[in-house]
Amino acid sequence: MPNVPDRSLAVWCFAFLLLLSACGENKLECDSIDTRNAVLQRVADDHRNPLVNYAAKESTAKPNPENSKPLYLLSERMVTTSTSPDKRTLQCSGGISVSVGDVKASKEIEFTVQRASDGKISVSVVPFQF
């Protein structure tokens, strides 16, 4: 009987290590901070972005460095519309708005997020349709 406590301790240690490894898993999500930041960066880097061009054109505020810079905001929730069989590619959608001066414009945004084999994520945004 002296081996029973040792075996029980080994089972608990194995279960704990299994739990820790699951917690460290970096699950791909449409609504994660990394994905949201990548989407915002992709949209902000697009100088032909029709959403910001519309807001800038409609703004009646006098242009100055403070109010001419677009401010982007994603909706509270991004949703997954489809997942690839290997779970490395997600199709996502949600809302995005941009404020330029005194005008705020909003639109539905669709994007794809992929995780490469090295763990890095990449995002591609479907161009806005008006």
N, C-alpha and C. Protein backbone atom coordinates (compact mmCIF):
# COMPACT_ATOMS: atom_id res chain seq x y z
N MET A 1 0.78 -1.21 0.00
CA MET A 1 0.00 0.00 0.00
C MET A 1 0.82 1.27 0.00
N PRO A 2 2.13 1.26 0.26
CA PRO A 2 2.87 2.50 0.30
C PRO A 2 2.91 3.20 -1.07
N ASN A 3 2.67 2.50 -2.17
CA ASN A 3 2.72 3.11 -3.50
C ASN A 3 1.44 3.88 -3.85
N VAL A 4 0.36 3.68 -3.15
CA VAL A 4 -0.91 4.32 -3.49
C VAL A 4 -0.81 5.85 -3.39
N PRO A 5 -0.28 6.42 -2.30
CA PRO A 5 -0.16 7.88 -2.26
C PRO A 5 0.76 8.41 -3.36
N ASP A 6 1.84 7.70 -3.66
CA ASP A 6 2.75 8.14 -4.72
C ASP A 6 2.04 8.14 -6.07
N ARG A 7 1.26 7.11 -6.34
CA ARG A 7 0.52 7.02 -7.60
C ARG A 7 -0.52 8.13 -7.68
N SER A 8 -1.20 8.41 -6.57
CA SER A 8 -2.20 9.46 -6.53
C SER A 8 -1.55 10.82 -6.79
N LEU A 9 -0.38 11.05 -6.21
CA LEU A 9 0.34 12.30 -6.42
C LEU A 9 0.75 12.42 -7.89
N ALA A 10 1.17 11.33 -8.49
CA ALA A 10 1.58 11.34 -9.90
C ALA A 10 0.38 11.68 -10.80
N VAL A 11 -0.78 11.13 -10.49
CA VAL A 11 -1.99 11.42 -11.28
C VAL A 11 -2.35 12.89 -11.16
N TRP A 12 -2.31 13.43 -9.95
CA TRP A 12 -2.62 14.85 -9.75
C TRP A 12 -1.61 15.75 -10.47
N CYS A 13 -0.35 15.41 -10.41
CA CYS A 13 0.67 16.20 -11.10
C CYS A 13 0.44 16.17 -12.61
N PHE A 14 0.14 14.99 -13.14
CA PHE A 14 -0.13 14.87 -14.58
C PHE A 14 -1.34 15.71 -14.97
N ALA A 15 -2.41 15.65 -14.17
CA ALA A 15 -3.61 16.43 -14.46
C ALA A 15 -3.32 17.93 -14.41
N PHE A 16 -2.52 18.34 -13.43
CA PHE A 16 -2.16 19.75 -13.31
C PHE A 16 -1.33 20.21 -14.50
N LEU A 17 -0.36 19.42 -14.91
CA LEU A 17 0.46 19.77 -16.08
C LEU A 17 -0.37 19.82 -17.35
N LEU A 18 -1.31 18.92 -17.48
CA LEU A 18 -2.20 18.92 -18.64
C LEU A 18 -3.05 20.20 -18.67
N LEU A 19 -3.54 20.59 -17.50
CA LEU A 19 -4.31 21.83 -17.40
C LEU A 19 -3.46 23.04 -17.75
N LEU A 20 -2.23 23.08 -17.26
CA LEU A 20 -1.34 24.20 -17.57
C LEU A 20 -1.04 24.28 -19.06
N SER A 21 -0.83 23.15 -19.70
CA SER A 21 -0.53 23.17 -21.13
C SER A 21 -1.73 23.65 -21.93
N ALA A 22 -2.93 23.34 -21.51
CA ALA A 22 -4.13 23.82 -22.20
C ALA A 22 -4.29 25.31 -22.01
N CYS A 23 -3.92 25.84 -20.84
CA CYS A 23 -4.03 27.28 -20.60
C CYS A 23 -3.04 28.06 -21.45
N GLY A 24 -1.91 27.48 -21.75
CA GLY A 24 -0.90 28.16 -22.53
C GLY A 24 -1.19 28.14 -24.02
N GLU A 25 -2.16 27.37 -24.45
CA GLU A 25 -2.51 27.27 -25.86
C GLU A 25 -3.04 28.60 -26.34
N ASN A 26 -2.51 29.09 -27.43
CA ASN A 26 -2.91 30.38 -27.96
C ASN A 26 -3.98 30.16 -29.02
N LYS A 27 -5.24 30.19 -28.61
CA LYS A 27 -6.36 29.91 -29.48
C LYS A 27 -6.62 31.10 -30.41
N LEU A 28 -6.84 30.83 -31.67
CA LEU A 28 -7.14 31.87 -32.65
C LEU A 28 -8.59 32.31 -32.48
N GLU A 29 -8.81 33.62 -32.34
CA GLU A 29 -10.15 34.15 -32.15
C GLU A 29 -10.32 35.44 -32.94
N CYS A 30 -11.54 35.68 -33.42
CA CYS A 30 -11.85 36.92 -34.13
C CYS A 30 -11.83 38.11 -33.18
N ASP A 31 -12.14 37.88 -31.92
CA ASP A 31 -12.33 38.97 -30.97
C ASP A 31 -11.17 39.14 -29.99
N SER A 32 -10.02 38.53 -30.28
CA SER A 32 -8.89 38.67 -29.36
C SER A 32 -8.26 40.05 -29.51
N ILE A 33 -7.51 40.45 -28.53
CA ILE A 33 -6.83 41.75 -28.57
C ILE A 33 -5.87 41.79 -29.76
N ASP A 34 -5.10 40.72 -29.97
CA ASP A 34 -4.15 40.70 -31.08
C ASP A 34 -4.85 40.85 -32.42
N THR A 35 -5.96 40.15 -32.60
CA THR A 35 -6.70 40.23 -33.86
C THR A 35 -7.29 41.62 -34.04
N ARG A 36 -7.89 42.16 -32.99
CA ARG A 36 -8.48 43.50 -33.08
C ARG A 36 -7.42 44.54 -33.44
N ASN A 37 -6.26 44.46 -32.79
CA ASN A 37 -5.19 45.41 -33.09
C ASN A 37 -4.70 45.26 -34.53
N ALA A 38 -4.61 44.02 -35.02
CA ALA A 38 -4.17 43.79 -36.40
C ALA A 38 -5.18 44.34 -37.40
N VAL A 39 -6.47 44.20 -37.12
CA VAL A 39 -7.52 44.74 -38.00
C VAL A 39 -7.44 46.26 -38.03
N LEU A 40 -7.35 46.88 -36.86
CA LEU A 40 -7.26 48.34 -36.81
C LEU A 40 -6.02 48.85 -37.55
N GLN A 41 -4.90 48.16 -37.38
CA GLN A 41 -3.67 48.57 -38.06
C GLN A 41 -3.81 48.45 -39.56
N ARG A 42 -4.42 47.35 -40.02
CA ARG A 42 -4.62 47.13 -41.46
C ARG A 42 -5.51 48.22 -42.06
N VAL A 43 -6.59 48.56 -41.38
CA VAL A 43 -7.50 49.59 -41.88
C VAL A 43 -6.82 50.96 -41.84
N ALA A 44 -6.13 51.27 -40.76
CA ALA A 44 -5.46 52.57 -40.63
C ALA A 44 -4.36 52.74 -41.68
N ASP A 45 -3.72 51.66 -42.08
CA ASP A 45 -2.64 51.73 -43.07
C ASP A 45 -3.15 51.87 -44.50
N ASP A 46 -4.44 51.66 -44.72
CA ASP A 46 -5.03 51.76 -46.06
C ASP A 46 -5.38 53.21 -46.36
N HIS A 47 -4.53 53.90 -47.12
CA HIS A 47 -4.73 55.31 -47.40
C HIS A 47 -5.83 55.55 -48.44
N ARG A 48 -6.32 54.50 -49.05
CA ARG A 48 -7.44 54.61 -49.99
C ARG A 48 -8.74 54.14 -49.34
N ASN A 49 -8.78 54.07 -48.05
CA ASN A 49 -9.93 53.60 -47.28
C ASN A 49 -11.14 54.49 -47.54
N PRO A 50 -12.18 54.00 -48.22
CA PRO A 50 -13.33 54.84 -48.54
C PRO A 50 -14.13 55.30 -47.31
N LEU A 51 -14.06 54.56 -46.21
CA LEU A 51 -14.79 54.96 -45.01
C LEU A 51 -14.20 56.25 -44.44
N VAL A 52 -12.89 56.31 -44.30
CA VAL A 52 -12.26 57.51 -43.77
C VAL A 52 -12.32 58.65 -44.78
N ASN A 53 -12.22 58.34 -46.06
CA ASN A 53 -12.33 59.38 -47.08
C ASN A 53 -13.71 60.03 -47.04
N TYR A 54 -14.75 59.23 -46.86
CA TYR A 54 -16.11 59.76 -46.74
C TYR A 54 -16.22 60.67 -45.52
N ALA A 55 -15.75 60.21 -44.37
CA ALA A 55 -15.85 60.99 -43.14
C ALA A 55 -15.08 62.30 -43.27
N ALA A 56 -13.90 62.25 -43.87
CA ALA A 56 -13.10 63.46 -44.03
C ALA A 56 -13.79 64.46 -44.96
N LYS A 57 -14.40 63.95 -46.03
CA LYS A 57 -15.08 64.81 -47.00
C LYS A 57 -16.32 65.48 -46.38
N GLU A 58 -17.01 64.75 -45.51
CA GLU A 58 -18.25 65.26 -44.91
C GLU A 58 -18.00 66.15 -43.69
N SER A 59 -16.81 66.12 -43.15
CA SER A 59 -16.51 66.89 -41.95
C SER A 59 -16.53 68.39 -42.25
N THR A 60 -17.17 69.14 -41.35
CA THR A 60 -17.20 70.60 -41.50
C THR A 60 -16.25 71.27 -40.52
N ALA A 61 -15.56 70.49 -39.72
CA ALA A 61 -14.59 71.05 -38.78
C ALA A 61 -13.39 71.58 -39.54
N LYS A 62 -12.84 72.67 -39.05
CA LYS A 62 -11.65 73.24 -39.69
C LYS A 62 -10.49 72.27 -39.49
N PRO A 63 -9.80 71.92 -40.58
CA PRO A 63 -8.70 70.96 -40.46
C PRO A 63 -7.57 71.48 -39.57
N ASN A 64 -7.19 70.66 -38.64
CA ASN A 64 -5.99 70.91 -37.84
C ASN A 64 -5.45 69.55 -37.42
N PRO A 65 -4.23 69.48 -36.95
CA PRO A 65 -3.64 68.17 -36.62
C PRO A 65 -4.44 67.34 -35.63
N GLU A 66 -5.16 68.01 -34.72
CA GLU A 66 -5.93 67.27 -33.71
C GLU A 66 -7.17 66.60 -34.26
N ASN A 67 -7.94 67.29 -35.11
CA ASN A 67 -9.21 66.71 -35.53
C ASN A 67 -9.19 66.11 -36.93
N SER A 68 -8.07 66.22 -37.65
CA SER A 68 -8.04 65.63 -38.99
C SER A 68 -7.51 64.20 -38.99
N LYS A 69 -6.97 63.76 -37.88
CA LYS A 69 -6.48 62.38 -37.78
C LYS A 69 -7.66 61.45 -37.51
N PRO A 70 -7.84 60.42 -38.33
CA PRO A 70 -8.97 59.50 -38.11
C PRO A 70 -8.81 58.70 -36.81
N LEU A 71 -9.91 58.54 -36.11
CA LEU A 71 -9.95 57.71 -34.91
C LEU A 71 -10.87 56.53 -35.18
N TYR A 72 -10.31 55.33 -35.12
CA TYR A 72 -11.06 54.11 -35.43
C TYR A 72 -11.52 53.43 -34.16
N LEU A 73 -12.67 52.78 -34.26
CA LEU A 73 -13.20 52.01 -33.14
C LEU A 73 -13.92 50.79 -33.69
N LEU A 74 -13.56 49.63 -33.17
CA LEU A 74 -14.27 48.40 -33.54
C LEU A 74 -15.42 48.18 -32.58
N SER A 75 -16.47 47.53 -33.06
CA SER A 75 -17.61 47.25 -32.19
C SER A 75 -17.16 46.35 -31.03
N GLU A 76 -17.99 46.28 -30.03
CA GLU A 76 -17.63 45.51 -28.84
C GLU A 76 -17.38 44.05 -29.14
N ARG A 77 -18.05 43.54 -30.15
CA ARG A 77 -17.95 42.10 -30.41
C ARG A 77 -17.70 41.81 -31.88
N MET A 78 -16.67 41.04 -32.14
CA MET A 78 -16.39 40.53 -33.48
C MET A 78 -16.85 39.07 -33.48
N VAL A 79 -17.50 38.62 -34.54
CA VAL A 79 -18.03 37.26 -34.57
C VAL A 79 -17.33 36.43 -35.63
N THR A 80 -17.24 35.15 -35.36
CA THR A 80 -16.68 34.19 -36.30
C THR A 80 -17.79 33.72 -37.21
N THR A 81 -17.61 33.89 -38.53
CA THR A 81 -18.62 33.45 -39.48
C THR A 81 -18.28 32.09 -40.07
N SER A 82 -17.00 31.72 -40.09
CA SER A 82 -16.61 30.37 -40.50
C SER A 82 -15.20 30.06 -40.01
N THR A 83 -14.91 28.78 -39.90
CA THR A 83 -13.62 28.30 -39.42
C THR A 83 -13.12 27.22 -40.36
N SER A 84 -11.83 27.27 -40.71
CA SER A 84 -11.27 26.23 -41.56
C SER A 84 -11.17 24.92 -40.79
N PRO A 85 -11.12 23.78 -41.49
CA PRO A 85 -11.03 22.49 -40.79
C PRO A 85 -9.83 22.39 -39.85
N ASP A 86 -8.70 23.02 -40.21
CA ASP A 86 -7.52 22.94 -39.34
C ASP A 86 -7.52 24.01 -38.24
N LYS A 87 -8.57 24.84 -38.20
CA LYS A 87 -8.77 25.88 -37.19
C LYS A 87 -7.66 26.93 -37.21
N ARG A 88 -6.97 27.09 -38.34
CA ARG A 88 -5.93 28.10 -38.47
C ARG A 88 -6.39 29.33 -39.25
N THR A 89 -7.60 29.26 -39.80
CA THR A 89 -8.14 30.38 -40.56
C THR A 89 -9.58 30.62 -40.13
N LEU A 90 -9.88 31.87 -39.81
CA LEU A 90 -11.23 32.25 -39.42
C LEU A 90 -11.73 33.37 -40.34
N GLN A 91 -13.00 33.30 -40.67
CA GLN A 91 -13.68 34.41 -41.34
C GLN A 91 -14.46 35.12 -40.24
N CYS A 92 -14.37 36.45 -40.21
CA CYS A 92 -14.94 37.21 -39.12
C CYS A 92 -15.69 38.43 -39.64
N SER A 93 -16.58 38.95 -38.79
CA SER A 93 -17.25 40.20 -39.13
C SER A 93 -17.62 40.95 -37.85
N GLY A 94 -17.86 42.23 -38.03
CA GLY A 94 -18.23 43.09 -36.91
C GLY A 94 -18.40 44.51 -37.42
N GLY A 95 -18.51 45.43 -36.52
CA GLY A 95 -18.69 46.82 -36.91
C GLY A 95 -17.42 47.61 -36.69
N ILE A 96 -17.24 48.63 -37.53
CA ILE A 96 -16.12 49.55 -37.37
C ILE A 96 -16.65 50.96 -37.61
N SER A 97 -16.12 51.90 -36.86
CA SER A 97 -16.49 53.29 -37.10
C SER A 97 -15.21 54.11 -37.11
N VAL A 98 -15.30 55.24 -37.82
CA VAL A 98 -14.18 56.17 -37.87
C VAL A 98 -14.73 57.57 -37.64
N SER A 99 -14.01 58.33 -36.85
CA SER A 99 -14.37 59.72 -36.61
C SER A 99 -13.27 60.60 -37.19
N VAL A 100 -13.71 61.58 -37.98
CA VAL A 100 -12.80 62.58 -38.53
C VAL A 100 -13.47 63.92 -38.29
N GLY A 101 -12.83 64.76 -37.49
CA GLY A 101 -13.45 66.04 -37.17
C GLY A 101 -14.77 65.83 -36.46
N ASP A 102 -15.84 66.37 -37.06
CA ASP A 102 -17.17 66.29 -36.45
C ASP A 102 -18.05 65.20 -37.07
N VAL A 103 -17.47 64.33 -37.89
CA VAL A 103 -18.25 63.29 -38.57
C VAL A 103 -17.79 61.91 -38.12
N LYS A 104 -18.79 61.06 -37.88
CA LYS A 104 -18.52 59.66 -37.54
C LYS A 104 -19.23 58.80 -38.58
N ALA A 105 -18.48 57.89 -39.20
CA ALA A 105 -19.04 56.98 -40.19
C ALA A 105 -18.83 55.55 -39.70
N SER A 106 -19.83 54.71 -39.90
CA SER A 106 -19.77 53.31 -39.46
C SER A 106 -20.08 52.38 -40.61
N LYS A 107 -19.54 51.18 -40.53
CA LYS A 107 -19.70 50.19 -41.59
C LYS A 107 -19.45 48.81 -41.01
N GLU A 108 -20.04 47.81 -41.64
CA GLU A 108 -19.74 46.41 -41.30
C GLU A 108 -18.37 46.07 -41.89
N ILE A 109 -17.55 45.38 -41.13
CA ILE A 109 -16.23 44.99 -41.62
C ILE A 109 -16.15 43.47 -41.63
N GLU A 110 -15.59 42.93 -42.70
CA GLU A 110 -15.35 41.49 -42.82
C GLU A 110 -13.86 41.30 -43.00
N PHE A 111 -13.32 40.31 -42.31
CA PHE A 111 -11.89 40.06 -42.41
C PHE A 111 -11.58 38.59 -42.16
N THR A 112 -10.38 38.22 -42.57
CA THR A 112 -9.88 36.86 -42.39
C THR A 112 -8.67 36.95 -41.48
N VAL A 113 -8.59 36.05 -40.52
CA VAL A 113 -7.42 35.98 -39.65
C VAL A 113 -6.84 34.57 -39.77
N GLN A 114 -5.51 34.51 -39.94
CA GLN A 114 -4.83 33.22 -40.09
C GLN A 114 -3.66 33.13 -39.13
N ARG A 115 -3.42 31.92 -38.64
CA ARG A 115 -2.25 31.68 -37.80
C ARG A 115 -1.27 30.83 -38.62
N ALA A 116 -0.07 31.35 -38.80
CA ALA A 116 0.98 30.63 -39.52
C ALA A 116 1.55 29.54 -38.62
N SER A 117 2.32 28.66 -39.21
CA SER A 117 2.90 27.56 -38.43
C SER A 117 3.87 28.07 -37.37
N ASP A 118 4.43 29.27 -37.56
CA ASP A 118 5.33 29.83 -36.55
C ASP A 118 4.57 30.57 -35.43
N GLY A 119 3.22 30.57 -35.50
CA GLY A 119 2.40 31.17 -34.46
C GLY A 119 1.97 32.60 -34.72
N LYS A 120 2.55 33.25 -35.71
CA LYS A 120 2.18 34.64 -36.01
C LYS A 120 0.83 34.69 -36.71
N ILE A 121 0.09 35.77 -36.44
CA ILE A 121 -1.20 35.92 -37.10
C ILE A 121 -1.09 36.96 -38.21
N SER A 122 -1.92 36.77 -39.22
CA SER A 122 -2.03 37.76 -40.29
C SER A 122 -3.51 38.01 -40.52
N VAL A 123 -3.81 39.23 -40.92
CA VAL A 123 -5.19 39.64 -41.14
C VAL A 123 -5.32 40.25 -42.51
N SER A 124 -6.39 39.87 -43.20
CA SER A 124 -6.72 40.55 -44.46
C SER A 124 -8.16 41.04 -44.33
N VAL A 125 -8.36 42.29 -44.75
CA VAL A 125 -9.67 42.93 -44.62
C VAL A 125 -10.31 43.02 -45.99
N VAL A 126 -11.58 42.65 -46.06
CA VAL A 126 -12.34 42.77 -47.30
C VAL A 126 -12.56 44.27 -47.54
N PRO A 127 -12.25 44.77 -48.74
CA PRO A 127 -12.45 46.21 -49.00
C PRO A 127 -13.90 46.62 -48.77
N PHE A 128 -14.07 47.84 -48.26
CA PHE A 128 -15.40 48.37 -47.98
C PHE A 128 -16.16 48.56 -49.29
N GLN A 129 -17.42 48.18 -49.29
CA GLN A 129 -18.30 48.38 -50.43
C GLN A 129 -19.33 49.44 -50.08
N PHE A 130 -19.52 50.40 -50.96
CA PHE A 130 -20.53 51.44 -50.74
C PHE A 130 -21.58 51.36 -51.80
